[in-house]
Amino acid sequence: MYFFYAENILIDDTIVLDREESRHCIRSLRKKTGDQVYVTDGKGALFVAEITDDNMNQTLLKRIRQTEAPYPKKHHLRMAVSPLKNPDRFEWFVEKAVEIGIDEIIPIVCHRTEKSQLKLERLNRIALAAMKQSMKTVLPKIQVPIKIKDFLYASTEQETKVIAWCETSKEKGIQEILGNSTNISILIGPEGDFTKEEVDLAMGQGFIPVSLGPSRFRTETAAVLACHHAFLTQK
């Protein structure tokens, strides 16, 4: 079961795959005119479509019907996490978080963040590949990096907001706090951790301290673990 991605599927019955998706479909997977495939719009919808033109630079398909996604979303999960000094580790986090089922990634620049520049185009390609590979139908938004204060002041009261840092091993577990929440925001700090001022500011904005377990984790590991815990709260 292979997924392909195309924007604006609901405009009409014709679906157009871009060059990269077309080459994957026609050259790599050897699909041809008349074959049926699955196409997602990255917004939660999944469609069955038939190839009408197997041009490997711009494949055309006819939408047949909408079908149920294998893993429908039951909550909205966004994570604010500091960029890492090693970009490979942040890319690994993005890949795994998308496979688990995240909706939005917000890179936050903290006092101890060592590197704030990210290759967003590359990260979006990684997210797209992970979405299709894991048969998800939501393509997460990866925002441009912002300062932690800007993120905290923009948070809303409608979210269940949690923060994990190195001093939270004795706090309540993240699943206990999240419960059956449908709108979740998770805050994970940089490799040197949050400063006390950042933690106090986050708690002042309604973020609840949570524990991810007795071990001390790398930033990217903590972020993936938090995603997994949030996924497990879905009923």
Protein backbone atom coordinates (compact mmCIF):
# COMPACT_ATOMS: atom_id res chain seq x y z
CA MET A 1 0.00 0.00 0.00
CA TYR A 2 1.80 3.11 -1.26
CA PHE A 3 0.71 6.67 -0.54
CA PHE A 4 1.27 9.61 -2.86
CA TYR A 5 0.88 13.27 -2.01
CA ALA A 6 -0.84 16.03 -3.93
CA GLU A 7 -2.20 19.40 -2.89
CA ASN A 8 -5.66 20.76 -3.70
CA ILE A 9 -7.20 17.36 -4.39
CA LEU A 10 -10.73 18.59 -3.69
CA ILE A 11 -10.71 21.28 -6.41
CA ASP A 12 -11.78 18.88 -9.18
CA ASP A 13 -11.58 15.20 -10.12
CA THR A 14 -8.14 15.51 -11.74
CA ILE A 15 -5.13 15.00 -9.47
CA VAL A 16 -1.69 16.14 -10.58
CA LEU A 17 1.45 14.67 -9.04
CA ASP A 18 4.56 16.83 -9.05
CA ARG A 19 7.76 15.66 -10.68
CA GLU A 20 9.20 13.94 -7.62
CA GLU A 21 5.98 12.11 -6.80
CA SER A 22 5.47 11.23 -10.46
CA ARG A 23 8.93 9.70 -10.79
CA HIS A 24 8.45 7.69 -7.62
CA CYS A 25 5.11 6.42 -8.91
CA ILE A 26 6.03 5.65 -12.52
CA ARG A 27 9.78 5.05 -12.57
CA SER A 28 10.42 3.52 -9.13
CA LEU A 29 7.17 1.64 -8.55
CA ARG A 30 6.44 1.04 -12.26
CA LYS A 31 2.80 2.08 -12.03
CA LYS A 32 1.07 2.70 -15.35
CA THR A 33 -2.10 4.09 -16.89
CA GLY A 34 -5.14 2.26 -15.49
CA ASP A 35 -3.52 1.39 -12.15
CA GLN A 36 -5.21 2.57 -8.96
CA VAL A 37 -3.24 4.23 -6.18
CA TYR A 38 -3.85 6.05 -2.89
CA VAL A 39 -3.36 9.80 -2.72
CA THR A 40 -3.48 12.04 0.35
CA ASP A 41 -3.78 15.81 0.54
CA GLY A 42 -1.70 15.95 3.73
CA LYS A 43 -4.67 17.41 5.60
CA GLY A 44 -6.19 14.13 6.76
CA ALA A 45 -8.03 12.99 3.63
CA LEU A 46 -7.20 9.87 1.61
CA PHE A 47 -8.43 9.08 -1.89
CA VAL A 48 -8.40 6.20 -4.33
CA ALA A 49 -7.41 7.45 -7.77
CA GLU A 50 -6.73 5.95 -11.20
CA ILE A 51 -3.72 6.89 -13.31
CA THR A 52 -4.88 8.46 -16.59
CA ASP A 53 -1.49 9.66 -17.86
CA ASP A 54 1.67 7.90 -16.69
CA ASN A 55 4.01 10.75 -17.62
CA MET A 56 6.88 10.46 -15.14
CA ASN A 57 7.31 14.23 -14.99
CA GLN A 58 3.66 15.04 -14.31
CA THR A 59 1.44 12.05 -13.66
CA LEU A 60 -2.30 12.67 -13.96
CA LEU A 61 -4.92 10.76 -12.01
CA LYS A 62 -8.70 10.70 -11.81
CA ARG A 63 -10.17 10.80 -8.34
CA ILE A 64 -12.49 7.83 -7.83
CA ARG A 65 -13.57 8.04 -4.20
CA GLN A 66 -12.53 9.14 -0.76
CA THR A 67 -11.64 6.34 1.62
CA GLU A 68 -10.93 5.98 5.32
CA ALA A 69 -7.41 6.72 6.48
CA PRO A 70 -5.64 3.74 8.15
CA TYR A 71 -4.67 5.84 11.17
CA PRO A 72 -7.21 8.65 11.65
CA LYS A 73 -6.18 11.48 13.96
CA LYS A 74 -7.95 11.80 17.29
CA HIS A 75 -6.05 14.77 18.65
CA HIS A 76 -3.91 17.69 17.58
CA LEU A 77 -0.32 17.49 18.79
CA ARG A 78 2.20 20.25 18.45
CA MET A 79 5.69 20.28 19.89
CA ALA A 80 8.00 23.18 20.59
CA VAL A 81 11.56 21.90 20.69
CA SER A 82 14.95 23.56 20.53
CA PRO A 83 17.10 23.02 17.42
CA LEU A 84 20.18 20.91 18.04
CA LYS A 85 23.85 21.50 17.42
CA ASN A 86 23.96 18.37 15.26
CA PRO A 87 21.34 18.81 12.47
CA ASP A 88 21.22 15.05 11.83
CA ARG A 89 19.70 14.51 15.27
CA PHE A 90 16.99 17.09 14.68
CA GLU A 91 16.20 15.49 11.33
CA TRP A 92 15.94 12.12 13.08
CA PHE A 93 13.46 13.63 15.54
CA VAL A 94 11.35 15.07 12.71
CA GLU A 95 11.24 11.73 10.90
CA LYS A 96 10.24 9.74 13.97
CA ALA A 97 7.73 12.31 15.25
CA VAL A 98 5.96 12.30 11.90
CA GLU A 99 5.88 8.51 11.84
CA ILE A 100 4.27 8.53 15.30
CA GLY A 101 1.75 11.21 14.35
CA ILE A 102 2.60 14.85 15.10
CA ASP A 103 0.75 17.83 13.63
CA GLU A 104 3.09 20.76 14.12
CA ILE A 105 6.76 21.28 15.00
CA ILE A 106 7.88 24.65 16.30
CA PRO A 107 11.66 25.13 16.67
CA ILE A 108 12.22 27.40 19.68
CA VAL A 109 15.37 29.41 20.36
CA CYS A 110 16.24 29.26 24.05
CA HIS A 111 19.04 30.85 26.05
CA ARG A 112 21.14 27.67 25.75
CA THR A 113 20.26 26.83 22.15
CA GLU A 114 23.58 26.44 20.34
CA LYS A 115 22.34 26.55 16.75
CA SER A 116 19.14 28.21 15.60
CA GLN A 117 19.40 27.86 11.80
CA LEU A 118 17.52 25.00 10.16
CA LYS A 119 17.21 23.77 6.58
CA LEU A 120 13.42 23.92 6.47
CA GLU A 121 13.14 22.71 2.87
CA ARG A 122 15.09 19.56 3.74
CA LEU A 123 13.07 19.04 6.93
CA ASN A 124 9.82 19.31 4.97
CA ARG A 125 11.06 16.68 2.50
CA ILE A 126 11.90 14.38 5.42
CA ALA A 127 8.45 14.97 6.91
CA LEU A 128 6.73 14.19 3.62
CA ALA A 129 8.65 10.94 3.15
CA ALA A 130 7.92 9.90 6.75
CA MET A 131 4.21 10.67 6.35
CA LYS A 132 3.91 8.47 3.27
CA GLN A 133 6.11 5.68 4.64
CA SER A 134 4.06 5.43 7.85
CA MET A 135 0.73 5.68 5.95
CA LYS A 136 -0.29 8.88 7.69
CA THR A 137 -2.51 11.47 6.03
CA VAL A 138 -1.44 14.59 7.92
CA LEU A 139 1.66 16.45 6.75
CA PRO A 140 2.94 18.34 9.79
CA LYS A 141 3.73 22.01 9.65
CA ILE A 142 7.36 22.82 10.45
CA GLN A 143 7.50 26.46 11.46
CA VAL A 144 10.41 28.86 11.25
CA PRO A 145 12.40 29.09 14.52
CA ILE A 146 11.05 31.60 17.04
CA LYS A 147 12.18 32.79 20.45
CA ILE A 148 10.79 30.81 23.37
CA LYS A 149 9.14 33.92 24.84
CA ASP A 150 7.23 34.52 21.61
CA PHE A 151 6.03 30.94 21.59
CA LEU A 152 4.94 31.00 25.22
CA TYR A 153 3.02 34.26 24.93
CA ALA A 154 1.21 32.93 21.85
CA SER A 155 0.03 29.73 23.57
CA THR A 156 -3.71 29.42 24.18
CA GLU A 157 -5.84 28.41 27.13
CA GLN A 158 -7.58 25.74 25.04
CA GLU A 159 -4.47 23.56 24.96
CA THR A 160 -3.25 21.00 27.45
CA LYS A 161 0.28 22.36 27.85
CA VAL A 162 3.16 20.39 29.37
CA ILE A 163 6.88 21.00 29.84
CA ALA A 164 9.57 18.39 30.45
CA TRP A 165 13.08 19.20 31.58
CA CYS A 166 15.83 17.53 33.58
CA GLU A 167 14.37 18.39 37.00
CA THR A 168 10.95 16.82 36.35
CA SER A 169 11.75 13.18 37.18
CA LYS A 170 9.58 13.38 40.31
CA GLU A 171 6.62 15.08 38.62
CA LYS A 172 3.52 13.26 37.41
CA GLY A 173 3.94 11.17 34.28
CA ILE A 174 3.05 12.82 30.99
CA GLN A 175 0.26 10.35 30.20
CA GLU A 176 -1.38 11.06 33.54
CA ILE A 177 -1.50 14.77 32.79
CA LEU A 178 -2.54 14.48 29.15
CA GLY A 179 -5.38 12.04 29.82
CA ASN A 180 -7.85 12.23 26.94
CA SER A 181 -6.76 15.69 25.79
CA THR A 182 -7.47 16.49 22.15
CA ASN A 183 -5.34 19.62 21.83
CA ILE A 184 -1.81 19.12 23.17
CA SER A 185 1.26 21.33 23.29
CA ILE A 186 4.59 19.88 24.50
CA LEU A 187 7.70 21.89 25.35
CA ILE A 188 11.17 20.31 25.16
CA GLY A 189 14.36 22.26 25.86
CA PRO A 190 17.85 22.46 24.35
CA GLU A 191 20.84 20.23 25.03
CA GLY A 192 21.84 22.43 27.98
CA ASP A 193 18.22 22.41 29.23
CA PHE A 194 15.97 25.37 30.01
CA THR A 195 17.09 28.10 32.35
CA LYS A 196 15.14 28.61 35.57
CA GLU A 197 13.72 31.83 34.12
CA GLU A 198 12.41 29.99 31.05
CA VAL A 199 10.81 27.29 33.18
CA ASP A 200 9.18 29.88 35.43
CA LEU A 201 7.87 31.77 32.40
CA ALA A 202 6.45 28.58 30.88
CA MET A 203 4.70 27.63 34.11
CA GLY A 204 3.36 31.17 34.37
CA GLN A 205 1.77 30.63 30.94
CA GLY A 206 0.04 27.45 32.09
CA PHE A 207 2.56 24.76 31.18
CA ILE A 208 2.42 21.82 33.58
CA PRO A 209 5.68 20.05 34.58
CA VAL A 210 5.66 16.37 33.57
CA SER A 211 8.07 13.46 33.85
CA LEU A 212 9.18 11.27 30.96
CA GLY A 213 10.66 8.68 33.33
CA PRO A 214 13.63 8.27 35.66
CA SER A 215 16.33 8.50 32.96
CA ARG A 216 17.93 11.63 31.56
CA PHE A 217 17.39 11.79 27.80
CA ARG A 218 18.93 13.68 24.92
CA THR A 219 16.69 16.42 23.54
CA GLU A 220 15.72 14.46 20.43
CA THR A 221 15.05 11.30 22.44
CA ALA A 222 12.90 13.17 24.95
CA ALA A 223 10.93 14.77 22.12
CA VAL A 224 10.22 11.45 20.40
CA LEU A 225 9.35 9.81 23.72
CA ALA A 226 6.92 12.62 24.52
CA CYS A 227 5.26 12.16 21.11
CA HIS A 228 4.89 8.46 21.80
CA HIS A 229 3.33 9.07 25.22
CA ALA A 230 0.88 11.52 23.68
CA PHE A 231 -0.03 8.97 21.00
CA LEU A 232 -0.73 6.37 23.69
CA THR A 233 -3.31 8.65 25.32
CA GLN A 234 -5.57 8.38 22.26
CA LYS A 235 -8.67 6.32 22.92
